N, C-alpha and C. Protein backbone atom coordinates (compact mmCIF):
# COMPACT_ATOMS: atom_id res chain seq x y z
N MET A 1 -14.93 -5.77 -15.53
CA MET A 1 -13.93 -5.19 -14.66
C MET A 1 -14.27 -5.46 -13.19
N ALA A 2 -15.56 -5.46 -12.86
CA ALA A 2 -15.97 -5.65 -11.47
C ALA A 2 -15.53 -7.00 -10.94
N TYR A 3 -15.61 -8.04 -11.76
CA TYR A 3 -15.24 -9.38 -11.31
C TYR A 3 -13.72 -9.51 -11.20
N ALA A 4 -12.99 -8.87 -12.10
CA ALA A 4 -11.52 -8.89 -12.02
C ALA A 4 -11.08 -8.17 -10.74
N LEU A 5 -11.70 -7.03 -10.44
CA LEU A 5 -11.36 -6.31 -9.21
C LEU A 5 -11.67 -7.16 -7.99
N LEU A 6 -12.81 -7.81 -7.98
CA LEU A 6 -13.16 -8.69 -6.86
C LEU A 6 -12.12 -9.80 -6.70
N ALA A 7 -11.74 -10.43 -7.81
CA ALA A 7 -10.76 -11.52 -7.76
C ALA A 7 -9.42 -11.03 -7.21
N VAL A 8 -8.98 -9.86 -7.64
CA VAL A 8 -7.69 -9.33 -7.16
C VAL A 8 -7.79 -8.96 -5.69
N ARG A 9 -8.88 -8.34 -5.27
CA ARG A 9 -9.06 -8.00 -3.85
C ARG A 9 -9.00 -9.26 -3.00
N LEU A 10 -9.69 -10.30 -3.44
CA LEU A 10 -9.69 -11.56 -2.69
C LEU A 10 -8.30 -12.20 -2.68
N LEU A 11 -7.67 -12.28 -3.84
CA LEU A 11 -6.35 -12.91 -3.93
C LEU A 11 -5.35 -12.21 -3.02
N VAL A 12 -5.24 -10.91 -3.14
CA VAL A 12 -4.27 -10.16 -2.33
C VAL A 12 -4.65 -10.26 -0.85
N GLY A 13 -5.94 -10.18 -0.55
CA GLY A 13 -6.39 -10.30 0.84
C GLY A 13 -6.05 -11.65 1.44
N ILE A 14 -6.28 -12.72 0.69
CA ILE A 14 -5.96 -14.07 1.17
C ILE A 14 -4.46 -14.20 1.41
N VAL A 15 -3.66 -13.71 0.48
CA VAL A 15 -2.20 -13.82 0.61
C VAL A 15 -1.72 -13.08 1.87
N PHE A 16 -2.19 -11.86 2.07
CA PHE A 16 -1.75 -11.10 3.24
C PHE A 16 -2.32 -11.66 4.54
N ALA A 17 -3.52 -12.22 4.51
CA ALA A 17 -4.07 -12.87 5.70
C ALA A 17 -3.24 -14.10 6.05
N ALA A 18 -2.86 -14.88 5.04
CA ALA A 18 -2.02 -16.06 5.29
C ALA A 18 -0.65 -15.66 5.80
N SER A 19 -0.11 -14.58 5.27
CA SER A 19 1.20 -14.11 5.71
C SER A 19 1.16 -13.69 7.18
N ALA A 20 0.17 -12.90 7.55
CA ALA A 20 0.04 -12.46 8.94
C ALA A 20 -0.22 -13.65 9.87
N THR A 21 -1.09 -14.55 9.45
CA THR A 21 -1.41 -15.72 10.25
C THR A 21 -0.17 -16.60 10.47
N GLY A 22 0.62 -16.78 9.42
CA GLY A 22 1.83 -17.58 9.55
C GLY A 22 2.81 -17.00 10.55
N LYS A 23 2.89 -15.69 10.61
CA LYS A 23 3.80 -15.03 11.55
C LYS A 23 3.25 -15.06 12.97
N LEU A 24 1.94 -15.12 13.11
CA LEU A 24 1.30 -15.08 14.43
C LEU A 24 0.90 -16.47 14.94
N ARG A 25 1.29 -17.49 14.23
CA ARG A 25 0.91 -18.86 14.57
C ARG A 25 1.37 -19.25 15.97
N GLY A 26 2.42 -18.66 16.44
CA GLY A 26 2.94 -18.95 17.78
C GLY A 26 4.16 -18.10 18.04
N ALA A 27 4.65 -18.16 19.27
CA ALA A 27 5.81 -17.35 19.65
C ALA A 27 7.02 -17.68 18.78
N ALA A 28 7.21 -18.96 18.47
CA ALA A 28 8.36 -19.35 17.65
C ALA A 28 8.25 -18.79 16.24
N SER A 29 7.05 -18.80 15.66
CA SER A 29 6.87 -18.25 14.31
C SER A 29 7.16 -16.76 14.28
N PHE A 30 6.67 -16.05 15.30
CA PHE A 30 6.93 -14.61 15.34
C PHE A 30 8.42 -14.34 15.54
N ARG A 31 9.05 -15.12 16.40
CA ARG A 31 10.49 -14.97 16.64
C ARG A 31 11.28 -15.23 15.36
N ASP A 32 10.87 -16.25 14.61
CA ASP A 32 11.53 -16.54 13.32
C ASP A 32 11.40 -15.35 12.37
N PHE A 33 10.21 -14.74 12.35
CA PHE A 33 10.02 -13.58 11.48
C PHE A 33 10.87 -12.41 11.96
N GLN A 34 10.94 -12.22 13.26
CA GLN A 34 11.79 -11.15 13.82
C GLN A 34 13.25 -11.40 13.45
N ASP A 35 13.68 -12.65 13.53
CA ASP A 35 15.05 -12.99 13.13
C ASP A 35 15.26 -12.70 11.65
N SER A 36 14.22 -12.95 10.85
CA SER A 36 14.34 -12.70 9.41
C SER A 36 14.52 -11.22 9.12
N ALA A 37 13.86 -10.39 9.91
CA ALA A 37 14.03 -8.95 9.73
C ALA A 37 15.48 -8.56 9.98
N ARG A 38 16.10 -9.16 11.00
CA ARG A 38 17.52 -8.89 11.27
C ARG A 38 18.39 -9.39 10.13
N ALA A 39 18.06 -10.57 9.60
CA ALA A 39 18.85 -11.14 8.50
C ALA A 39 18.78 -10.25 7.26
N MET A 40 17.70 -9.48 7.15
CA MET A 40 17.54 -8.61 5.99
C MET A 40 18.05 -7.20 6.25
N GLY A 41 18.74 -7.02 7.37
CA GLY A 41 19.40 -5.74 7.62
C GLY A 41 18.74 -4.82 8.63
N VAL A 42 17.64 -5.23 9.23
CA VAL A 42 17.01 -4.40 10.26
C VAL A 42 17.87 -4.50 11.52
N PRO A 43 18.25 -3.38 12.12
CA PRO A 43 19.05 -3.43 13.34
C PRO A 43 18.34 -4.24 14.44
N ALA A 44 19.10 -4.98 15.21
CA ALA A 44 18.54 -5.85 16.24
C ALA A 44 17.61 -5.10 17.19
N ARG A 45 17.98 -3.88 17.55
CA ARG A 45 17.17 -3.12 18.51
C ARG A 45 15.80 -2.73 17.93
N LEU A 46 15.67 -2.75 16.59
CA LEU A 46 14.42 -2.37 15.94
C LEU A 46 13.65 -3.57 15.38
N SER A 47 14.24 -4.76 15.43
CA SER A 47 13.64 -5.90 14.74
C SER A 47 12.27 -6.27 15.30
N ARG A 48 12.08 -6.19 16.60
CA ARG A 48 10.76 -6.52 17.17
C ARG A 48 9.73 -5.48 16.72
N LEU A 49 10.08 -4.21 16.78
CA LEU A 49 9.18 -3.15 16.37
C LEU A 49 8.81 -3.30 14.89
N VAL A 50 9.78 -3.57 14.06
CA VAL A 50 9.53 -3.75 12.63
C VAL A 50 8.64 -4.97 12.40
N ALA A 51 8.91 -6.06 13.09
CA ALA A 51 8.10 -7.28 12.93
C ALA A 51 6.65 -7.01 13.33
N VAL A 52 6.45 -6.33 14.44
CA VAL A 52 5.09 -5.99 14.87
C VAL A 52 4.42 -5.07 13.85
N ALA A 53 5.15 -4.07 13.38
CA ALA A 53 4.59 -3.12 12.40
C ALA A 53 4.19 -3.84 11.11
N VAL A 54 5.00 -4.78 10.66
CA VAL A 54 4.68 -5.52 9.43
C VAL A 54 3.40 -6.33 9.61
N VAL A 55 3.30 -7.03 10.72
CA VAL A 55 2.11 -7.86 10.96
C VAL A 55 0.86 -6.97 11.09
N VAL A 56 0.98 -5.86 11.79
CA VAL A 56 -0.16 -4.94 11.92
C VAL A 56 -0.54 -4.39 10.55
N ALA A 57 0.45 -4.02 9.75
CA ALA A 57 0.18 -3.49 8.40
C ALA A 57 -0.46 -4.56 7.52
N GLU A 58 0.00 -5.80 7.61
CA GLU A 58 -0.60 -6.87 6.81
C GLU A 58 -2.07 -7.08 7.21
N CYS A 59 -2.33 -7.09 8.51
CA CYS A 59 -3.72 -7.23 8.98
C CYS A 59 -4.55 -6.02 8.54
N GLY A 60 -3.97 -4.84 8.63
CA GLY A 60 -4.67 -3.64 8.19
C GLY A 60 -5.00 -3.68 6.71
N ALA A 61 -4.08 -4.18 5.91
CA ALA A 61 -4.33 -4.28 4.47
C ALA A 61 -5.50 -5.21 4.18
N VAL A 62 -5.56 -6.32 4.90
CA VAL A 62 -6.67 -7.27 4.71
C VAL A 62 -8.00 -6.59 5.04
N VAL A 63 -8.05 -5.89 6.16
CA VAL A 63 -9.28 -5.21 6.57
C VAL A 63 -9.67 -4.13 5.55
N LEU A 64 -8.69 -3.35 5.12
CA LEU A 64 -8.98 -2.28 4.15
C LEU A 64 -9.42 -2.83 2.80
N LEU A 65 -8.82 -3.93 2.38
CA LEU A 65 -9.24 -4.55 1.11
C LEU A 65 -10.68 -5.05 1.21
N ALA A 66 -11.04 -5.54 2.37
CA ALA A 66 -12.39 -6.10 2.54
C ALA A 66 -13.45 -5.03 2.73
N LEU A 67 -13.12 -3.96 3.43
CA LEU A 67 -14.15 -3.02 3.86
C LEU A 67 -14.23 -1.71 3.08
N SER A 68 -13.13 -1.28 2.49
CA SER A 68 -13.17 0.03 1.82
C SER A 68 -13.75 -0.11 0.41
N PRO A 69 -14.56 0.86 0.01
CA PRO A 69 -15.12 0.81 -1.35
C PRO A 69 -14.00 0.76 -2.40
N GLY A 70 -14.03 -0.27 -3.23
CA GLY A 70 -13.02 -0.42 -4.27
C GLY A 70 -11.69 -0.96 -3.76
N GLY A 71 -11.49 -0.96 -2.45
CA GLY A 71 -10.26 -1.50 -1.87
C GLY A 71 -9.03 -0.64 -2.03
N ALA A 72 -9.17 0.59 -2.53
CA ALA A 72 -8.00 1.42 -2.84
C ALA A 72 -7.04 1.60 -1.66
N PRO A 73 -7.51 1.94 -0.45
CA PRO A 73 -6.56 2.09 0.66
C PRO A 73 -5.80 0.78 0.96
N GLY A 74 -6.48 -0.34 0.84
CA GLY A 74 -5.82 -1.63 1.05
C GLY A 74 -4.77 -1.91 0.00
N PHE A 75 -5.07 -1.55 -1.25
CA PHE A 75 -4.10 -1.74 -2.32
C PHE A 75 -2.89 -0.84 -2.13
N VAL A 76 -3.10 0.39 -1.69
CA VAL A 76 -1.96 1.29 -1.43
C VAL A 76 -1.06 0.69 -0.36
N LEU A 77 -1.65 0.19 0.72
CA LEU A 77 -0.86 -0.40 1.79
C LEU A 77 -0.12 -1.65 1.30
N THR A 78 -0.77 -2.49 0.50
CA THR A 78 -0.09 -3.68 0.00
C THR A 78 1.04 -3.32 -0.96
N LEU A 79 0.85 -2.29 -1.75
CA LEU A 79 1.92 -1.85 -2.65
C LEU A 79 3.14 -1.39 -1.85
N LEU A 80 2.90 -0.64 -0.78
CA LEU A 80 4.02 -0.19 0.06
C LEU A 80 4.73 -1.37 0.72
N LEU A 81 3.96 -2.29 1.25
CA LEU A 81 4.55 -3.48 1.88
C LEU A 81 5.34 -4.31 0.88
N LEU A 82 4.74 -4.56 -0.29
CA LEU A 82 5.43 -5.37 -1.30
C LEU A 82 6.71 -4.70 -1.78
N ALA A 83 6.69 -3.39 -1.93
CA ALA A 83 7.91 -2.67 -2.33
C ALA A 83 8.99 -2.84 -1.27
N ALA A 84 8.62 -2.68 -0.01
CA ALA A 84 9.61 -2.83 1.07
C ALA A 84 10.13 -4.27 1.14
N PHE A 85 9.23 -5.25 1.04
CA PHE A 85 9.66 -6.64 1.08
C PHE A 85 10.62 -6.96 -0.07
N THR A 86 10.28 -6.48 -1.25
CA THR A 86 11.09 -6.77 -2.44
C THR A 86 12.46 -6.12 -2.33
N VAL A 87 12.51 -4.90 -1.87
CA VAL A 87 13.80 -4.23 -1.67
C VAL A 87 14.64 -5.03 -0.67
N GLY A 88 14.00 -5.47 0.41
CA GLY A 88 14.73 -6.28 1.41
C GLY A 88 15.25 -7.58 0.83
N ILE A 89 14.45 -8.24 0.04
CA ILE A 89 14.87 -9.51 -0.57
C ILE A 89 16.02 -9.27 -1.55
N ILE A 90 15.90 -8.27 -2.40
CA ILE A 90 16.97 -7.97 -3.37
C ILE A 90 18.25 -7.61 -2.64
N ARG A 91 18.14 -6.80 -1.61
CA ARG A 91 19.31 -6.42 -0.82
C ARG A 91 19.98 -7.64 -0.19
N THR A 92 19.16 -8.54 0.32
CA THR A 92 19.68 -9.76 0.94
C THR A 92 20.37 -10.64 -0.10
N LEU A 93 19.75 -10.79 -1.27
CA LEU A 93 20.36 -11.59 -2.34
C LEU A 93 21.69 -10.99 -2.79
N ARG A 94 21.73 -9.68 -2.94
CA ARG A 94 22.96 -9.02 -3.39
C ARG A 94 24.08 -9.11 -2.35
N SER A 95 23.70 -9.14 -1.09
CA SER A 95 24.72 -9.21 -0.04
C SER A 95 25.29 -10.62 0.11
N GLY A 96 24.59 -11.60 -0.48
CA GLY A 96 25.05 -12.98 -0.38
C GLY A 96 24.64 -13.65 0.92
N THR A 97 23.82 -12.99 1.71
CA THR A 97 23.34 -13.57 2.97
C THR A 97 22.46 -14.77 2.65
N LYS A 98 22.76 -15.88 3.28
CA LYS A 98 21.97 -17.09 3.09
C LYS A 98 20.92 -17.13 4.20
N THR A 99 19.68 -17.01 3.81
CA THR A 99 18.57 -17.02 4.76
C THR A 99 17.36 -17.64 4.09
N SER A 100 16.39 -18.04 4.88
CA SER A 100 15.19 -18.63 4.31
C SER A 100 14.04 -17.65 4.38
N CYS A 101 13.00 -17.99 3.67
CA CYS A 101 11.82 -17.13 3.60
C CYS A 101 10.84 -17.52 4.71
N ALA A 102 10.55 -16.58 5.59
CA ALA A 102 9.55 -16.80 6.64
C ALA A 102 8.28 -16.03 6.28
N CYS A 103 8.03 -15.90 5.01
CA CYS A 103 6.91 -15.09 4.50
C CYS A 103 5.57 -15.57 5.03
N PHE A 104 5.40 -16.88 5.07
CA PHE A 104 4.12 -17.46 5.48
C PHE A 104 4.32 -18.40 6.65
N GLY A 105 5.30 -18.14 7.48
CA GLY A 105 5.62 -19.01 8.60
C GLY A 105 6.98 -19.65 8.38
N ALA A 106 7.26 -20.63 9.20
CA ALA A 106 8.56 -21.29 9.15
C ALA A 106 8.78 -21.96 7.80
N SER A 107 9.99 -21.84 7.29
CA SER A 107 10.36 -22.46 6.03
C SER A 107 11.87 -22.65 6.00
N THR A 108 12.30 -23.67 5.32
CA THR A 108 13.73 -23.88 5.15
C THR A 108 14.17 -23.53 3.73
N ALA A 109 13.22 -23.13 2.90
CA ALA A 109 13.55 -22.78 1.51
C ALA A 109 14.32 -21.47 1.50
N PRO A 110 15.49 -21.45 0.88
CA PRO A 110 16.28 -20.22 0.85
C PRO A 110 15.65 -19.16 -0.05
N ILE A 111 15.89 -17.93 0.31
CA ILE A 111 15.42 -16.81 -0.52
C ILE A 111 16.08 -16.92 -1.88
N GLY A 112 15.30 -16.66 -2.90
CA GLY A 112 15.83 -16.69 -4.26
C GLY A 112 15.09 -15.72 -5.15
N ARG A 113 15.44 -15.78 -6.40
CA ARG A 113 14.80 -14.89 -7.38
C ARG A 113 13.31 -15.13 -7.47
N ARG A 114 12.87 -16.36 -7.20
CA ARG A 114 11.43 -16.65 -7.27
C ARG A 114 10.65 -15.77 -6.31
N HIS A 115 11.27 -15.36 -5.20
CA HIS A 115 10.58 -14.49 -4.25
C HIS A 115 10.42 -13.08 -4.82
N VAL A 116 11.40 -12.65 -5.57
CA VAL A 116 11.31 -11.34 -6.24
C VAL A 116 10.21 -11.40 -7.31
N VAL A 117 10.19 -12.48 -8.09
CA VAL A 117 9.18 -12.65 -9.13
C VAL A 117 7.79 -12.72 -8.51
N ARG A 118 7.65 -13.48 -7.44
CA ARG A 118 6.37 -13.59 -6.74
C ARG A 118 5.89 -12.21 -6.29
N ASN A 119 6.78 -11.44 -5.65
CA ASN A 119 6.39 -10.12 -5.18
C ASN A 119 6.08 -9.16 -6.34
N ALA A 120 6.83 -9.29 -7.43
CA ALA A 120 6.56 -8.44 -8.59
C ALA A 120 5.18 -8.75 -9.17
N ALA A 121 4.82 -10.02 -9.21
CA ALA A 121 3.49 -10.41 -9.70
C ALA A 121 2.40 -9.86 -8.79
N LEU A 122 2.60 -9.99 -7.48
CA LEU A 122 1.63 -9.44 -6.53
C LEU A 122 1.55 -7.92 -6.64
N PHE A 123 2.69 -7.29 -6.83
CA PHE A 123 2.73 -5.83 -6.98
C PHE A 123 1.91 -5.41 -8.21
N THR A 124 2.10 -6.13 -9.30
CA THR A 124 1.37 -5.83 -10.53
C THR A 124 -0.13 -6.00 -10.32
N LEU A 125 -0.53 -7.08 -9.66
CA LEU A 125 -1.95 -7.30 -9.38
C LEU A 125 -2.51 -6.20 -8.48
N ALA A 126 -1.75 -5.82 -7.45
CA ALA A 126 -2.21 -4.77 -6.54
C ALA A 126 -2.31 -3.42 -7.27
N ALA A 127 -1.39 -3.14 -8.17
CA ALA A 127 -1.45 -1.89 -8.95
C ALA A 127 -2.69 -1.90 -9.86
N PHE A 128 -2.96 -3.04 -10.49
CA PHE A 128 -4.18 -3.18 -11.28
C PHE A 128 -5.40 -2.96 -10.40
N GLY A 129 -5.40 -3.59 -9.22
CA GLY A 129 -6.53 -3.46 -8.29
C GLY A 129 -6.74 -2.01 -7.87
N LEU A 130 -5.64 -1.31 -7.60
CA LEU A 130 -5.75 0.10 -7.23
C LEU A 130 -6.37 0.91 -8.36
N ALA A 131 -5.87 0.71 -9.57
CA ALA A 131 -6.41 1.45 -10.73
C ALA A 131 -7.88 1.12 -10.94
N ALA A 132 -8.23 -0.16 -10.86
CA ALA A 132 -9.62 -0.57 -11.05
C ALA A 132 -10.50 -0.04 -9.92
N GLY A 133 -9.99 -0.08 -8.70
CA GLY A 133 -10.76 0.42 -7.56
C GLY A 133 -11.01 1.90 -7.64
N LEU A 134 -10.04 2.65 -8.14
CA LEU A 134 -10.19 4.10 -8.27
C LEU A 134 -11.08 4.48 -9.44
N SER A 135 -11.25 3.56 -10.39
CA SER A 135 -12.08 3.86 -11.56
C SER A 135 -13.56 3.80 -11.24
N GLY A 136 -13.89 3.31 -10.06
CA GLY A 136 -15.29 3.24 -9.66
C GLY A 136 -16.04 2.10 -10.31
N ALA A 137 -15.39 0.97 -10.46
CA ALA A 137 -16.04 -0.21 -11.05
C ALA A 137 -17.25 -0.58 -10.21
N PRO A 138 -18.36 -0.93 -10.86
CA PRO A 138 -19.57 -1.30 -10.12
C PRO A 138 -19.37 -2.63 -9.38
N ALA A 139 -20.17 -2.83 -8.36
CA ALA A 139 -20.10 -4.09 -7.60
C ALA A 139 -20.60 -5.24 -8.47
N PRO A 140 -19.98 -6.42 -8.35
CA PRO A 140 -20.45 -7.58 -9.10
C PRO A 140 -21.89 -7.93 -8.70
N THR A 141 -22.67 -8.37 -9.66
CA THR A 141 -24.07 -8.65 -9.37
C THR A 141 -24.49 -10.09 -9.64
N GLN A 142 -23.75 -10.81 -10.43
CA GLN A 142 -24.12 -12.18 -10.79
C GLN A 142 -23.41 -13.18 -9.87
N ALA A 143 -24.19 -14.04 -9.23
CA ALA A 143 -23.62 -15.01 -8.28
C ALA A 143 -22.58 -15.91 -8.95
N ALA A 144 -22.85 -16.34 -10.18
CA ALA A 144 -21.90 -17.22 -10.88
C ALA A 144 -20.58 -16.50 -11.10
N GLY A 145 -20.62 -15.24 -11.48
CA GLY A 145 -19.39 -14.46 -11.68
C GLY A 145 -18.62 -14.28 -10.38
N VAL A 146 -19.33 -14.06 -9.29
CA VAL A 146 -18.68 -13.92 -7.98
C VAL A 146 -18.00 -15.22 -7.60
N LEU A 147 -18.67 -16.34 -7.82
CA LEU A 147 -18.08 -17.65 -7.49
C LEU A 147 -16.84 -17.93 -8.34
N ILE A 148 -16.90 -17.61 -9.59
CA ILE A 148 -15.74 -17.83 -10.48
C ILE A 148 -14.59 -16.93 -10.05
N ALA A 149 -14.87 -15.68 -9.73
CA ALA A 149 -13.82 -14.75 -9.27
C ALA A 149 -13.21 -15.26 -7.97
N ALA A 150 -14.06 -15.73 -7.05
CA ALA A 150 -13.56 -16.23 -5.77
C ALA A 150 -12.71 -17.49 -5.95
N PHE A 151 -13.15 -18.39 -6.83
CA PHE A 151 -12.38 -19.60 -7.08
C PHE A 151 -11.02 -19.26 -7.70
N GLY A 152 -11.03 -18.38 -8.68
CA GLY A 152 -9.77 -17.95 -9.31
C GLY A 152 -8.84 -17.29 -8.31
N ALA A 153 -9.40 -16.47 -7.42
CA ALA A 153 -8.59 -15.81 -6.40
C ALA A 153 -7.98 -16.83 -5.45
N LEU A 154 -8.75 -17.82 -5.05
CA LEU A 154 -8.24 -18.84 -4.14
C LEU A 154 -7.11 -19.64 -4.79
N VAL A 155 -7.30 -20.05 -6.02
CA VAL A 155 -6.25 -20.80 -6.74
C VAL A 155 -4.99 -19.94 -6.86
N GLY A 156 -5.15 -18.68 -7.28
CA GLY A 156 -4.00 -17.78 -7.40
C GLY A 156 -3.30 -17.56 -6.08
N ALA A 157 -4.07 -17.37 -5.01
CA ALA A 157 -3.48 -17.15 -3.69
C ALA A 157 -2.70 -18.38 -3.23
N LEU A 158 -3.25 -19.56 -3.47
CA LEU A 158 -2.53 -20.79 -3.08
C LEU A 158 -1.22 -20.93 -3.85
N LEU A 159 -1.22 -20.56 -5.12
CA LEU A 159 0.03 -20.61 -5.90
C LEU A 159 1.07 -19.65 -5.30
N VAL A 160 0.63 -18.49 -4.87
CA VAL A 160 1.55 -17.52 -4.26
C VAL A 160 2.04 -18.04 -2.91
N ILE A 161 1.12 -18.50 -2.09
CA ILE A 161 1.47 -18.95 -0.74
C ILE A 161 2.44 -20.13 -0.77
N PHE A 162 2.26 -21.01 -1.75
CA PHE A 162 3.10 -22.20 -1.84
C PHE A 162 4.21 -22.07 -2.89
N THR A 163 4.70 -20.85 -3.08
CA THR A 163 5.79 -20.60 -4.02
C THR A 163 7.00 -21.48 -3.73
N ASP A 164 7.39 -21.57 -2.47
CA ASP A 164 8.58 -22.36 -2.12
C ASP A 164 8.37 -23.84 -2.42
N GLU A 165 7.22 -24.36 -2.05
CA GLU A 165 6.95 -25.77 -2.29
C GLU A 165 6.88 -26.08 -3.79
N LEU A 166 6.27 -25.18 -4.55
CA LEU A 166 6.20 -25.38 -5.99
C LEU A 166 7.59 -25.30 -6.63
N GLY A 167 8.42 -24.39 -6.13
CA GLY A 167 9.79 -24.29 -6.63
C GLY A 167 10.55 -25.57 -6.40
N THR A 168 10.37 -26.16 -5.22
CA THR A 168 11.03 -27.42 -4.90
C THR A 168 10.48 -28.54 -5.77
N LEU A 169 9.16 -28.58 -5.92
CA LEU A 169 8.51 -29.63 -6.69
C LEU A 169 8.96 -29.63 -8.15
N PHE A 170 9.09 -28.46 -8.72
CA PHE A 170 9.43 -28.36 -10.13
C PHE A 170 10.92 -28.11 -10.38
N GLY A 171 11.76 -28.41 -9.39
CA GLY A 171 13.20 -28.37 -9.59
C GLY A 171 13.78 -26.98 -9.74
N ASP A 172 13.23 -26.03 -9.03
CA ASP A 172 13.74 -24.66 -9.01
C ASP A 172 15.24 -24.71 -8.77
N SER A 173 15.98 -23.82 -9.38
CA SER A 173 17.43 -23.85 -9.31
C SER A 173 18.00 -23.15 -8.08
N ALA A 174 17.14 -22.82 -7.11
CA ALA A 174 17.64 -22.16 -5.89
C ALA A 174 18.58 -23.11 -5.17
N PRO A 175 19.64 -22.57 -4.58
CA PRO A 175 20.57 -23.42 -3.86
C PRO A 175 19.90 -24.04 -2.64
N HIS A 176 20.22 -25.28 -2.38
CA HIS A 176 19.66 -25.96 -1.22
C HIS A 176 20.65 -25.86 -0.08
N THR A 177 20.10 -25.72 1.12
CA THR A 177 20.96 -25.61 2.29
C THR A 177 20.70 -26.79 3.19
N THR A 178 21.63 -27.05 4.07
CA THR A 178 21.43 -28.07 5.07
C THR A 178 21.41 -27.39 6.42
N GLY A 179 20.66 -27.96 7.32
CA GLY A 179 20.58 -27.38 8.65
C GLY A 179 19.68 -26.16 8.68
N ARG A 180 19.69 -25.49 9.79
CA ARG A 180 18.83 -24.33 10.00
C ARG A 180 19.46 -23.08 9.36
N VAL A 181 18.64 -22.32 8.69
CA VAL A 181 19.09 -21.06 8.11
C VAL A 181 18.28 -19.94 8.72
N ARG A 182 18.82 -18.73 8.66
CA ARG A 182 18.09 -17.60 9.21
C ARG A 182 16.87 -17.31 8.36
N ARG A 183 15.86 -16.75 8.96
CA ARG A 183 14.59 -16.47 8.30
C ARG A 183 14.62 -15.10 7.64
N SER A 184 13.70 -14.89 6.66
CA SER A 184 13.59 -13.59 6.02
C SER A 184 12.14 -13.22 5.80
N ALA A 185 11.88 -11.94 5.57
CA ALA A 185 10.52 -11.43 5.35
C ALA A 185 10.05 -11.70 3.93
N PRO A 186 8.70 -11.62 3.70
CA PRO A 186 8.17 -11.85 2.36
C PRO A 186 8.61 -10.85 1.34
């Protein structure tokens, strides 16, 4: 259980670190994310505040996952963020708004069901991590097990981060758009 918890802490931490980094890569990236918040229904007057709060919360989740015993506070924060992101994505899909995912920085890939599935998978992992963290699992002690957990976490995180690219590569049925589309949150 200790190695599974380590792998989940690393995977979720890497994903949220990449998400925050993508939004903070530059003024244009942050502006795109702020625009995505508006596309998902956040009032224009609140979009900057919401964008800042999301990035701060993502950074906070990474720190809490890394530093808190068992990572429980970090998992709670990631569960709240993932729930909010998923509700926003579902709401956007139901409204028929055509926008792209700015989850990890600029992207032209339109929001689709794959984003809901991705978030549901992350939510499930974070819920497992919370349960395992609260159970008081002992710290991993074998270097080989730590390396395997870290490698698995990295591979899993890359699959999550590159969801849009993998969807395109494998012929995902999401509608393709031409030109610039509005951005959306993870």
